C-alpha cells in the first residue's frame, strides 16, 4: 500500500532525514520519500506488517506529527 501523509513540524533537511530514517527502520516499510516544501511523506509499506497508526506513531516519536 502507498500512503501520502501530511507531517507538521518539518522545517529543515535534518527534519527530512529524521522522518525518513525513522520510517525506514520499520519492518514492512518498502519505500519512503519526504517532500520538505510540501510537508508530506509518501510511504509504501506492507499493510500485513505495519499499519498507518504505527507509521504515525513512529513519526511522532521522531518529533513530528501526522495531521
PDB file of N, CA and C in Angstrom:
ATOM      1  N   UNK A   1       0.838  -1.172   0.000  1.00  0.00           N
ATOM      2  CA  UNK A   1       0.000   0.000   0.000  1.00  0.00           C
ATOM      3  C   UNK A   1       0.888   1.242   0.000  1.00  0.00           C
ATOM      4  N   UNK A   2       0.454   2.259  -0.712  1.00  0.00           N
ATOM      5  CA  UNK A   2       1.167   3.535  -0.724  1.00  0.00           C
ATOM      6  C   UNK A   2       0.270   4.596  -0.112  1.00  0.00           C
ATOM      7  N   UNK A   3       0.837   5.384   0.780  1.00  0.00           N
ATOM      8  CA  UNK A   3       0.085   6.402   1.513  1.00  0.00           C
ATOM      9  C   UNK A   3       0.829   7.721   1.476  1.00  0.00           C
ATOM     10  N   UNK A   4       0.088   8.816   1.328  1.00  0.00           N
ATOM     11  CA  UNK A   4       0.649  10.163   1.432  1.00  0.00           C
ATOM     12  C   UNK A   4       0.223  10.720   2.787  1.00  0.00           C
ATOM     13  N   UNK A   5       1.206  11.093   3.600  1.00  0.00           N
ATOM     14  CA  UNK A   5       0.938  11.611   4.936  1.00  0.00           C
ATOM     15  C   UNK A   5       1.365  13.069   5.016  1.00  0.00           C
ATOM     16  N   UNK A   6       0.529  13.903   5.618  1.00  0.00           N
ATOM     17  CA  UNK A   6       0.886  15.293   5.895  1.00  0.00           C
ATOM     18  C   UNK A   6       1.544  15.325   7.260  1.00  0.00           C
ATOM     19  N   UNK A   7       2.733  15.916   7.334  1.00  0.00           N
ATOM     20  CA  UNK A   7       3.516  15.897   8.565  1.00  0.00           C
ATOM     21  C   UNK A   7       3.818  17.327   9.008  1.00  0.00           C
ATOM     22  N   UNK A   8       3.360  17.679  10.199  1.00  0.00           N
ATOM     23  CA  UNK A   8       3.606  19.007  10.762  1.00  0.00           C
ATOM     24  C   UNK A   8       4.932  19.023  11.501  1.00  0.00           C
ATOM     25  N   UNK A   9       5.597  20.173  11.431  1.00  0.00           N
ATOM     26  CA  UNK A   9       6.810  20.362  12.212  1.00  0.00           C
ATOM     27  C   UNK A   9       8.108  20.211  11.447  1.00  0.00           C
ATOM     28  N   UNK A  10       8.046  19.758  10.194  1.00  0.00           N
ATOM     29  CA  UNK A  10       9.274  19.618   9.409  1.00  0.00           C
ATOM     30  C   UNK A  10       9.655  20.976   8.829  1.00  0.00           C
ATOM     31  N   UNK A  11      10.908  21.392   9.071  1.00  0.00           N
ATOM     32  CA  UNK A  11      11.308  22.713   8.581  1.00  0.00           C
ATOM     33  C   UNK A  11      12.711  22.754   7.974  1.00  0.00           C
ATOM     34  N   UNK A  12      13.444  21.642   8.030  1.00  0.00           N
ATOM     35  CA  UNK A  12      14.823  21.667   7.524  1.00  0.00           C
ATOM     36  C   UNK A  12      15.223  20.271   7.036  1.00  0.00           C
ATOM     37  N   UNK A  13      16.414  20.191   6.465  1.00  0.00           N
ATOM     38  CA  UNK A  13      16.874  18.904   5.936  1.00  0.00           C
ATOM     39  C   UNK A  13      17.081  17.877   7.050  1.00  0.00           C
ATOM     40  N   UNK A  14      17.417  18.332   8.250  1.00  0.00           N
ATOM     41  CA  UNK A  14      17.547  17.408   9.384  1.00  0.00           C
ATOM     42  C   UNK A  14      16.192  16.756   9.674  1.00  0.00           C
ATOM     43  N   UNK A  15      15.129  17.538   9.638  1.00  0.00           N
ATOM     44  CA  UNK A  15      13.778  17.008   9.858  1.00  0.00           C
ATOM     45  C   UNK A  15      13.452  15.942   8.814  1.00  0.00           C
ATOM     46  N   UNK A  16      13.770  16.264   7.584  1.00  0.00           N
ATOM     47  CA  UNK A  16      13.526  15.348   6.474  1.00  0.00           C
ATOM     48  C   UNK A  16      14.243  14.017   6.702  1.00  0.00           C
ATOM     49  N   UNK A  17      15.512  14.093   7.066  1.00  0.00           N
ATOM     50  CA  UNK A  17      16.304  12.882   7.306  1.00  0.00           C
ATOM     51  C   UNK A  17      15.793  12.105   8.513  1.00  0.00           C
ATOM     52  N   UNK A  18      15.375  12.808   9.567  1.00  0.00           N
ATOM     53  CA  UNK A  18      14.891  12.144  10.780  1.00  0.00           C
ATOM     54  C   UNK A  18      13.629  11.340  10.500  1.00  0.00           C
ATOM     55  N   UNK A  19      12.702  11.922   9.754  1.00  0.00           N
ATOM     56  CA  UNK A  19      11.450  11.233   9.430  1.00  0.00           C
ATOM     57  C   UNK A  19      11.732  10.037   8.527  1.00  0.00           C
ATOM     58  N   UNK A  20      12.533  10.249   7.504  1.00  0.00           N
ATOM     59  CA  UNK A  20      12.844   9.159   6.567  1.00  0.00           C
ATOM     60  C   UNK A  20      13.557   8.013   7.277  1.00  0.00           C
ATOM     61  N   UNK A  21      14.516   8.343   8.113  1.00  0.00           N
ATOM     62  CA  UNK A  21      15.268   7.327   8.844  1.00  0.00           C
ATOM     63  C   UNK A  21      14.365   6.535   9.785  1.00  0.00           C
ATOM     64  N   UNK A  22      13.505   7.235  10.511  1.00  0.00           N
ATOM     65  CA  UNK A  22      12.597   6.566  11.456  1.00  0.00           C
ATOM     66  C   UNK A  22      11.677   5.594  10.728  1.00  0.00           C
ATOM     67  N   UNK A  23      11.132   6.011   9.605  1.00  0.00           N
ATOM     68  CA  UNK A  23      10.230   5.140   8.851  1.00  0.00           C
ATOM     69  C   UNK A  23      10.971   3.957   8.236  1.00  0.00           C
ATOM     70  N   UNK A  24      12.158   4.204   7.717  1.00  0.00           N
ATOM     71  CA  UNK A  24      12.915   3.129   7.068  1.00  0.00           C
ATOM     72  C   UNK A  24      13.378   2.057   8.042  1.00  0.00           C
ATOM     73  N   UNK A  25      13.400   2.358   9.328  1.00  0.00           N
ATOM     74  CA  UNK A  25      13.773   1.358  10.330  1.00  0.00           C
ATOM     75  C   UNK A  25      12.653   0.358  10.597  1.00  0.00           C
ATOM     76  N   UNK A  26      11.442   0.690  10.185  1.00  0.00           N
ATOM     77  CA  UNK A  26      10.305  -0.199  10.430  1.00  0.00           C
ATOM     78  C   UNK A  26      10.305  -1.379   9.469  1.00  0.00           C
ATOM     79  N   UNK A  27      10.109  -2.557  10.021  1.00  0.00           N
ATOM     80  CA  UNK A  27       9.918  -3.733   9.180  1.00  0.00           C
ATOM     81  C   UNK A  27       8.607  -3.553   8.432  1.00  0.00           C
ATOM     82  N   UNK A  28       8.629  -3.788   7.151  1.00  0.00           N
ATOM     83  CA  UNK A  28       7.422  -3.652   6.344  1.00  0.00           C
ATOM     84  C   UNK A  28       7.371  -2.370   5.533  1.00  0.00           C
ATOM     85  N   UNK A  29       8.234  -1.407   5.841  1.00  0.00           N
ATOM     86  CA  UNK A  29       8.302  -0.189   5.032  1.00  0.00           C
ATOM     87  C   UNK A  29       9.208  -0.481   3.842  1.00  0.00           C
ATOM     88  N   UNK A  30       8.661  -0.282   2.652  1.00  0.00           N
ATOM     89  CA  UNK A  30       9.372  -0.630   1.426  1.00  0.00           C
ATOM     90  C   UNK A  30      10.019   0.578   0.759  1.00  0.00           C
ATOM     91  N   UNK A  31       9.426   1.750   0.943  1.00  0.00           N
ATOM     92  CA  UNK A  31       9.907   2.960   0.271  1.00  0.00           C
ATOM     93  C   UNK A  31       9.390   4.179   1.012  1.00  0.00           C
ATOM     94  N   UNK A  32      10.230   5.202   1.131  1.00  0.00           N
ATOM     95  CA  UNK A  32       9.785   6.488   1.684  1.00  0.00           C
ATOM     96  C   UNK A  32      10.384   7.616   0.865  1.00  0.00           C
ATOM     97  N   UNK A  33       9.609   8.650   0.707  1.00  0.00           N
ATOM     98  CA  UNK A  33      10.093   9.880   0.078  1.00  0.00           C
ATOM     99  C   UNK A  33       9.492  11.041   0.858  1.00  0.00           C
ATOM    100  N   UNK A  34      10.351  11.941   1.309  1.00  0.00           N
ATOM    101  CA  UNK A  34       9.922  13.083   2.112  1.00  0.00           C
ATOM    102  C   UNK A  34      10.006  14.333   1.247  1.00  0.00           C
ATOM    103  N   UNK A  35       8.920  15.104   1.230  1.00  0.00           N
ATOM    104  CA  UNK A  35       8.872  16.361   0.492  1.00  0.00           C
ATOM    105  C   UNK A  35       8.773  17.493   1.503  1.00  0.00           C
ATOM    106  N   UNK A  36       9.912  18.069   1.812  1.00  0.00           N
ATOM    107  CA  UNK A  36      10.013  19.080   2.855  1.00  0.00           C
ATOM    108  C   UNK A  36       9.151  20.300   2.554  1.00  0.00           C
ATOM    109  N   UNK A  37       9.214  20.816   1.332  1.00  0.00           N
ATOM    110  CA  UNK A  37       8.450  22.018   0.985  1.00  0.00           C
ATOM    111  C   UNK A  37       6.950  21.809   1.109  1.00  0.00           C
ATOM    112  N   UNK A  38       6.487  20.609   0.794  1.00  0.00           N
ATOM    113  CA  UNK A  38       5.061  20.291   0.877  1.00  0.00           C
ATOM    114  C   UNK A  38       4.670  19.755   2.250  1.00  0.00           C
ATOM    115  N   UNK A  39       5.678  19.449   3.064  1.00  0.00           N
ATOM    116  CA  UNK A  39       5.463  18.851   4.385  1.00  0.00           C
ATOM    117  C   UNK A  39       4.645  17.561   4.281  1.00  0.00           C
ATOM    118  N   UNK A  40       5.049  16.728   3.315  1.00  0.00           N
ATOM    119  CA  UNK A  40       4.393  15.442   3.111  1.00  0.00           C
ATOM    120  C   UNK A  40       5.423  14.323   3.021  1.00  0.00           C
ATOM    121  N   UNK A  41       4.930  13.119   3.258  1.00  0.00           N
ATOM    122  CA  UNK A  41       5.752  11.914   3.143  1.00  0.00           C
ATOM    123  C   UNK A  41       4.951  10.889   2.346  1.00  0.00           C
ATOM    124  N   UNK A  42       5.585  10.292   1.372  1.00  0.00           N
ATOM    125  CA  UNK A  42       4.998   9.172   0.645  1.00  0.00           C
ATOM    126  C   UNK A  42       5.640   7.914   1.213  1.00  0.00           C
ATOM    127  N   UNK A  43       4.810   6.989   1.668  1.00  0.00           N
ATOM    128  CA  UNK A  43       5.308   5.747   2.255  1.00  0.00           C
ATOM    129  C   UNK A  43       4.654   4.570   1.546  1.00  0.00           C
ATOM    130  N   UNK A  44       5.472   3.670   1.062  1.00  0.00           N
ATOM    131  CA  UNK A  44       4.978   2.407   0.532  1.00  0.00           C
ATOM    132  C   UNK A  44       5.311   1.351   1.568  1.00  0.00           C
ATOM    133  N   UNK A  45       4.300   0.583   1.965  1.00  0.00           N
ATOM    134  CA  UNK A  45       4.511  -0.383   3.034  1.00  0.00           C
ATOM    135  C   UNK A  45       3.630  -1.607   2.854  1.00  0.00           C
ATOM    136  N   UNK A  46       4.028  -2.667   3.525  1.00  0.00           N
ATOM    137  CA  UNK A  46       3.274  -3.918   3.544  1.00  0.00           C
ATOM    138  C   UNK A  46       2.246  -3.812   4.660  1.00  0.00           C
ATOM    139  N   UNK A  47       0.979  -3.685   4.290  1.00  0.00           N
ATOM    140  CA  UNK A  47      -0.059  -3.479   5.297  1.00  0.00           C
ATOM    141  C   UNK A  47      -0.313  -4.713   6.166  1.00  0.00           C
ATOM    142  N   UNK A  48       0.254  -5.848   5.807  1.00  0.00           N
ATOM    143  CA  UNK A  48       0.172  -7.027   6.673  1.00  0.00           C
ATOM    144  C   UNK A  48       1.204  -6.962   7.793  1.00  0.00           C
ATOM    145  N   UNK A  49       2.206  -6.098   7.632  1.00  0.00           N
ATOM    146  CA  UNK A  49       3.300  -5.998   8.600  1.00  0.00           C
ATOM    147  C   UNK A  49       3.211  -4.743   9.451  1.00  0.00           C
ATOM    148  N   UNK A  50       2.787  -3.639   8.855  1.00  0.00           N
ATOM    149  CA  UNK A  50       2.757  -2.354   9.558  1.00  0.00           C
ATOM    150  C   UNK A  50       1.451  -1.626   9.213  1.00  0.00           C
ATOM    151  N   UNK A  51       0.939  -0.859  10.169  1.00  0.00           N
ATOM    152  CA  UNK A  51      -0.307  -0.121   9.960  1.00  0.00           C
ATOM    153  C   UNK A  51      -0.032   1.376   9.839  1.00  0.00           C
ATOM    154  N   UNK A  52      -1.019   2.098   9.346  1.00  0.00           N
ATOM    155  CA  UNK A  52      -0.891   3.555   9.253  1.00  0.00           C
ATOM    156  C   UNK A  52      -0.730   4.170  10.644  1.00  0.00           C
ATOM    157  N   UNK A  53      -1.380   3.584  11.627  1.00  0.00           N
ATOM    158  CA  UNK A  53      -1.251   4.068  13.008  1.00  0.00           C
ATOM    159  C   UNK A  53       0.199   3.950  13.485  1.00  0.00           C
ATOM    160  N   UNK A  54       0.841   2.843  13.181  1.00  0.00           N
ATOM    161  CA  UNK A  54       2.246   2.652  13.570  1.00  0.00           C
ATOM    162  C   UNK A  54       3.131   3.666  12.852  1.00  0.00           C
ATOM    163  N   UNK A  55       2.863   3.929  11.582  1.00  0.00           N
ATOM    164  CA  UNK A  55       3.631   4.940  10.851  1.00  0.00           C
ATOM    165  C   UNK A  55       3.528   6.289  11.556  1.00  0.00           C
ATOM    166  N   UNK A  56       2.310   6.664  11.930  1.00  0.00           N
ATOM    167  CA  UNK A  56       2.087   7.941  12.617  1.00  0.00           C
ATOM    168  C   UNK A  56       2.801   7.978  13.964  1.00  0.00           C
ATOM    169  N   UNK A  57       2.783   6.863  14.691  1.00  0.00           N
ATOM    170  CA  UNK A  57       3.454   6.806  15.994  1.00  0.00           C
ATOM    171  C   UNK A  57       4.969   6.967  15.851  1.00  0.00           C
ATOM    172  N   UNK A  58       5.542   6.349  14.844  1.00  0.00           N
ATOM    173  CA  UNK A  58       6.985   6.448  14.616  1.00  0.00           C
ATOM    174  C   UNK A  58       7.361   7.884  14.244  1.00  0.00           C
ATOM    175  N   UNK A  59       6.552   8.514  13.425  1.00  0.00           N
ATOM    176  CA  UNK A  59       6.795   9.914  13.064  1.00  0.00           C
ATOM    177  C   UNK A  59       6.679  10.797  14.304  1.00  0.00           C
ATOM    178  N   UNK A  60       5.683  10.532  15.137  1.00  0.00           N
ATOM    179  CA  UNK A  60       5.508  11.291  16.386  1.00  0.00           C
ATOM    180  C   UNK A  60       6.717  11.105  17.304  1.00  0.00           C
ATOM    181  N   UNK A  61       7.182   9.874  17.424  1.00  0.00           N
ATOM    182  CA  UNK A  61       8.353   9.590  18.270  1.00  0.00           C
ATOM    183  C   UNK A  61       9.613  10.296  17.758  1.00  0.00           C
ATOM    184  N   UNK A  62       9.649  10.580  16.462  1.00  0.00           N
ATOM    185  CA  UNK A  62      10.783  11.301  15.880  1.00  0.00           C
ATOM    186  C   UNK A  62      10.663  12.812  16.102  1.00  0.00           C
ATOM    187  N   UNK A  63       9.509  13.251  16.637  1.00  0.00           N
ATOM    188  CA  UNK A  63       9.336  14.667  16.960  1.00  0.00           C
ATOM    189  C   UNK A  63       8.400  15.437  16.047  1.00  0.00           C
ATOM    190  N   UNK A  64       7.622  14.724  15.252  1.00  0.00           N
ATOM    191  CA  UNK A  64       6.742  15.366  14.276  1.00  0.00           C
ATOM    192  C   UNK A  64       5.342  14.773  14.407  1.00  0.00           C
ATOM    193  N   UNK A  65       4.378  15.363  13.724  1.00  0.00           N
ATOM    194  CA  UNK A  65       3.001  14.905  13.884  1.00  0.00           C
ATOM    195  C   UNK A  65       2.317  14.756  12.535  1.00  0.00           C
ATOM    196  N   UNK A  66       1.659  13.618  12.344  1.00  0.00           N
ATOM    197  CA  UNK A  66       0.845  13.409  11.153  1.00  0.00           C
ATOM    198  C   UNK A  66      -0.471  14.145  11.379  1.00  0.00           C
ATOM    199  N   UNK A  67      -0.822  15.001  10.420  1.00  0.00           N
ATOM    200  CA  UNK A  67      -2.055  15.796  10.549  1.00  0.00           C
ATOM    201  C   UNK A  67      -3.021  15.489   9.428  1.00  0.00           C
TER     202      UNK A  67
END
